[in-house]
N, C-alpha and C. Protein backbone atom coordinates (compact mmCIF):
# COMPACT_ATOMS: atom_id res chain seq x y z
N MET A 1 -37.33 25.41 -104.33
CA MET A 1 -36.89 25.73 -103.00
C MET A 1 -35.83 24.70 -102.59
N LYS A 2 -34.70 25.20 -102.11
CA LYS A 2 -33.63 24.32 -101.66
C LYS A 2 -33.70 24.19 -100.14
N VAL A 3 -33.77 22.96 -99.67
CA VAL A 3 -33.90 22.67 -98.24
C VAL A 3 -32.52 22.45 -97.63
N SER A 4 -32.31 22.97 -96.43
CA SER A 4 -31.04 22.80 -95.73
C SER A 4 -31.17 21.65 -94.71
N PRO A 5 -30.54 20.51 -94.99
CA PRO A 5 -30.61 19.40 -94.03
C PRO A 5 -30.06 19.79 -92.65
N ASP A 6 -29.04 20.64 -92.60
CA ASP A 6 -28.49 21.04 -91.30
C ASP A 6 -29.50 21.83 -90.47
N LYS A 7 -30.29 22.69 -91.11
CA LYS A 7 -31.31 23.44 -90.38
C LYS A 7 -32.42 22.52 -89.90
N ILE A 8 -32.78 21.54 -90.73
CA ILE A 8 -33.78 20.56 -90.31
C ILE A 8 -33.26 19.76 -89.13
N ASP A 9 -32.00 19.33 -89.21
CA ASP A 9 -31.39 18.59 -88.09
C ASP A 9 -31.42 19.41 -86.81
N ASP A 10 -31.11 20.70 -86.90
CA ASP A 10 -31.14 21.58 -85.73
C ASP A 10 -32.54 21.67 -85.14
N ALA A 11 -33.54 21.82 -85.99
CA ALA A 11 -34.92 21.93 -85.50
C ALA A 11 -35.36 20.64 -84.83
N VAL A 12 -35.04 19.50 -85.43
CA VAL A 12 -35.42 18.21 -84.84
C VAL A 12 -34.69 18.01 -83.51
N LEU A 13 -33.41 18.34 -83.46
CA LEU A 13 -32.66 18.18 -82.21
C LEU A 13 -33.28 19.05 -81.11
N ALA A 14 -33.67 20.27 -81.45
CA ALA A 14 -34.33 21.15 -80.47
C ALA A 14 -35.65 20.54 -80.00
N LEU A 15 -36.40 19.95 -80.91
CA LEU A 15 -37.67 19.33 -80.53
C LEU A 15 -37.46 18.05 -79.73
N LEU A 16 -36.37 17.35 -79.97
CA LEU A 16 -36.05 16.19 -79.13
C LEU A 16 -35.85 16.64 -77.69
N TRP A 17 -35.23 17.79 -77.49
CA TRP A 17 -35.03 18.31 -76.14
C TRP A 17 -36.38 18.57 -75.46
N LEU A 18 -37.36 19.00 -76.25
CA LEU A 18 -38.70 19.26 -75.72
C LEU A 18 -39.34 17.99 -75.15
N THR A 19 -39.02 16.85 -75.71
CA THR A 19 -39.65 15.60 -75.27
C THR A 19 -38.76 14.77 -74.35
N LEU A 20 -37.72 15.36 -73.77
CA LEU A 20 -36.80 14.62 -72.90
C LEU A 20 -37.52 14.00 -71.70
N HIS A 21 -37.09 12.80 -71.38
CA HIS A 21 -37.52 12.13 -70.15
C HIS A 21 -36.35 11.25 -69.69
N ASP A 22 -36.36 10.86 -68.45
CA ASP A 22 -35.26 10.06 -67.89
C ASP A 22 -33.90 10.69 -68.18
N GLU A 23 -33.83 11.99 -68.10
CA GLU A 23 -32.62 12.82 -68.21
C GLU A 23 -32.05 12.95 -69.62
N ARG A 24 -32.08 11.91 -70.43
CA ARG A 24 -31.46 12.01 -71.75
C ARG A 24 -32.16 11.21 -72.83
N ARG A 25 -33.34 10.71 -72.55
CA ARG A 25 -34.10 9.97 -73.56
C ARG A 25 -35.17 10.89 -74.16
N ALA A 26 -35.45 10.69 -75.44
CA ALA A 26 -36.47 11.49 -76.14
C ALA A 26 -37.22 10.58 -77.10
N TRP A 27 -38.47 10.89 -77.33
CA TRP A 27 -39.29 10.11 -78.26
C TRP A 27 -38.74 10.27 -79.67
N LYS A 28 -38.69 9.18 -80.40
CA LYS A 28 -38.08 9.21 -81.72
C LYS A 28 -39.11 9.23 -82.85
N GLY A 29 -40.08 10.08 -82.74
CA GLY A 29 -41.13 10.19 -83.74
C GLY A 29 -40.78 11.10 -84.90
N PHE A 30 -39.55 11.08 -85.33
CA PHE A 30 -39.11 11.93 -86.44
C PHE A 30 -38.57 11.06 -87.57
N ASP A 31 -38.42 11.66 -88.71
CA ASP A 31 -37.91 10.99 -89.90
C ASP A 31 -36.56 10.32 -89.61
N PHE A 32 -36.42 9.07 -90.02
CA PHE A 32 -35.19 8.34 -89.72
C PHE A 32 -33.98 8.86 -90.48
N ASP A 33 -34.17 9.51 -91.62
CA ASP A 33 -33.03 10.12 -92.31
C ASP A 33 -32.41 11.21 -91.43
N VAL A 34 -33.27 12.00 -90.79
CA VAL A 34 -32.78 13.05 -89.89
C VAL A 34 -32.11 12.42 -88.67
N LEU A 35 -32.75 11.43 -88.09
CA LEU A 35 -32.18 10.78 -86.91
C LEU A 35 -30.84 10.11 -87.25
N ASP A 36 -30.74 9.53 -88.44
CA ASP A 36 -29.46 8.94 -88.85
C ASP A 36 -28.37 10.01 -88.96
N ARG A 37 -28.72 11.18 -89.50
CA ARG A 37 -27.72 12.26 -89.59
C ARG A 37 -27.30 12.73 -88.22
N LEU A 38 -28.25 12.86 -87.29
CA LEU A 38 -27.91 13.26 -85.92
C LEU A 38 -27.01 12.21 -85.27
N HIS A 39 -27.25 10.95 -85.56
CA HIS A 39 -26.40 9.88 -85.04
C HIS A 39 -24.99 9.99 -85.64
N GLN A 40 -24.90 10.24 -86.93
CA GLN A 40 -23.60 10.38 -87.60
C GLN A 40 -22.82 11.57 -87.04
N LYS A 41 -23.54 12.60 -86.60
CA LYS A 41 -22.90 13.79 -86.03
C LYS A 41 -22.52 13.58 -84.56
N GLY A 42 -22.88 12.42 -84.00
CA GLY A 42 -22.53 12.12 -82.62
C GLY A 42 -23.45 12.77 -81.59
N LEU A 43 -24.64 13.18 -82.01
CA LEU A 43 -25.55 13.89 -81.10
C LEU A 43 -26.56 12.96 -80.43
N ILE A 44 -26.81 11.80 -81.04
CA ILE A 44 -27.70 10.80 -80.45
C ILE A 44 -27.07 9.43 -80.66
N ASP A 45 -27.47 8.48 -79.80
CA ASP A 45 -27.07 7.10 -80.01
C ASP A 45 -27.86 6.53 -81.18
N ASP A 46 -27.49 5.35 -81.62
CA ASP A 46 -28.15 4.72 -82.77
C ASP A 46 -29.66 4.68 -82.55
N PRO A 47 -30.44 5.31 -83.44
CA PRO A 47 -31.88 5.39 -83.24
C PRO A 47 -32.64 4.13 -83.65
N HIS A 48 -31.98 3.20 -84.28
CA HIS A 48 -32.67 1.99 -84.75
C HIS A 48 -32.76 0.98 -83.61
N GLY A 49 -33.90 0.40 -83.50
CA GLY A 49 -34.14 -0.57 -82.43
C GLY A 49 -35.61 -0.55 -82.06
N LYS A 50 -35.99 -1.41 -81.15
CA LYS A 50 -37.40 -1.55 -80.79
C LYS A 50 -37.91 -0.46 -79.85
N ALA A 51 -37.01 0.17 -79.11
CA ALA A 51 -37.43 1.21 -78.15
C ALA A 51 -38.09 2.37 -78.88
N LYS A 52 -39.08 2.96 -78.23
CA LYS A 52 -39.78 4.11 -78.82
C LYS A 52 -39.07 5.42 -78.56
N SER A 53 -37.97 5.35 -77.81
CA SER A 53 -37.20 6.56 -77.53
C SER A 53 -35.74 6.32 -77.88
N LEU A 54 -34.99 7.41 -77.93
CA LEU A 54 -33.57 7.34 -78.24
C LEU A 54 -32.81 8.08 -77.15
N VAL A 55 -31.50 7.96 -77.16
CA VAL A 55 -30.66 8.56 -76.13
C VAL A 55 -29.80 9.65 -76.75
N LEU A 56 -29.83 10.84 -76.15
CA LEU A 56 -28.96 11.93 -76.58
C LEU A 56 -27.60 11.78 -75.91
N THR A 57 -26.55 12.05 -76.65
CA THR A 57 -25.20 12.04 -76.09
C THR A 57 -25.02 13.31 -75.25
N ASP A 58 -23.90 13.40 -74.55
CA ASP A 58 -23.61 14.62 -73.79
C ASP A 58 -23.60 15.84 -74.71
N ASP A 59 -22.90 15.73 -75.85
CA ASP A 59 -22.88 16.84 -76.82
C ASP A 59 -24.28 17.12 -77.35
N GLY A 60 -25.04 16.06 -77.58
CA GLY A 60 -26.41 16.23 -78.09
C GLY A 60 -27.30 16.96 -77.10
N LEU A 61 -27.17 16.62 -75.82
CA LEU A 61 -27.98 17.31 -74.80
C LEU A 61 -27.67 18.80 -74.75
N GLN A 62 -26.39 19.13 -74.75
CA GLN A 62 -25.99 20.54 -74.69
C GLN A 62 -26.46 21.30 -75.93
N ARG A 63 -26.25 20.70 -77.09
CA ARG A 63 -26.63 21.37 -78.35
C ARG A 63 -28.16 21.47 -78.44
N ALA A 64 -28.87 20.43 -78.04
CA ALA A 64 -30.33 20.44 -78.10
C ALA A 64 -30.92 21.56 -77.24
N GLU A 65 -30.40 21.70 -76.03
CA GLU A 65 -30.91 22.76 -75.15
C GLU A 65 -30.61 24.14 -75.72
N ALA A 66 -29.39 24.33 -76.21
CA ALA A 66 -29.02 25.63 -76.79
C ALA A 66 -29.90 25.95 -78.00
N LEU A 67 -30.13 24.97 -78.86
CA LEU A 67 -30.97 25.20 -80.04
C LEU A 67 -32.42 25.47 -79.65
N PHE A 68 -32.92 24.74 -78.64
CA PHE A 68 -34.29 24.98 -78.19
C PHE A 68 -34.45 26.42 -77.74
N LYS A 69 -33.51 26.90 -76.93
CA LYS A 69 -33.57 28.28 -76.45
C LYS A 69 -33.48 29.26 -77.60
N GLU A 70 -32.57 29.00 -78.54
CA GLU A 70 -32.37 29.90 -79.69
C GLU A 70 -33.60 29.94 -80.59
N LEU A 71 -34.19 28.79 -80.85
CA LEU A 71 -35.28 28.72 -81.84
C LEU A 71 -36.66 28.99 -81.26
N PHE A 72 -36.87 28.66 -79.99
CA PHE A 72 -38.24 28.63 -79.49
C PHE A 72 -38.53 29.49 -78.26
N THR A 73 -37.58 30.29 -77.81
CA THR A 73 -37.88 31.16 -76.68
C THR A 73 -37.82 32.63 -77.11
N GLN A 74 -38.50 33.46 -76.34
CA GLN A 74 -38.54 34.89 -76.62
C GLN A 74 -37.59 35.61 -75.68
N SER A 75 -37.00 36.67 -76.18
CA SER A 75 -36.18 37.53 -75.33
C SER A 75 -37.07 38.40 -74.48
N SER A 76 -36.65 38.67 -73.24
CA SER A 76 -37.48 39.53 -72.36
C SER A 76 -37.27 40.97 -72.68
């Protein structure tokens, strides 16, 4: 089975939106390889550090919300 890192990144970004607090912070309880890729894509600030949460960029917030709706909501 071939895994798509981009699809994993999308799913993690959507789940980061689920855990948002303080407008743009999210808990960073995900694999650091994924978080590093999201950082390289400009969607989150550097995830390394002592804080238990990370900061989504403006682009990251918009993309995270759109992905959350696409992946996890039902059409009426």
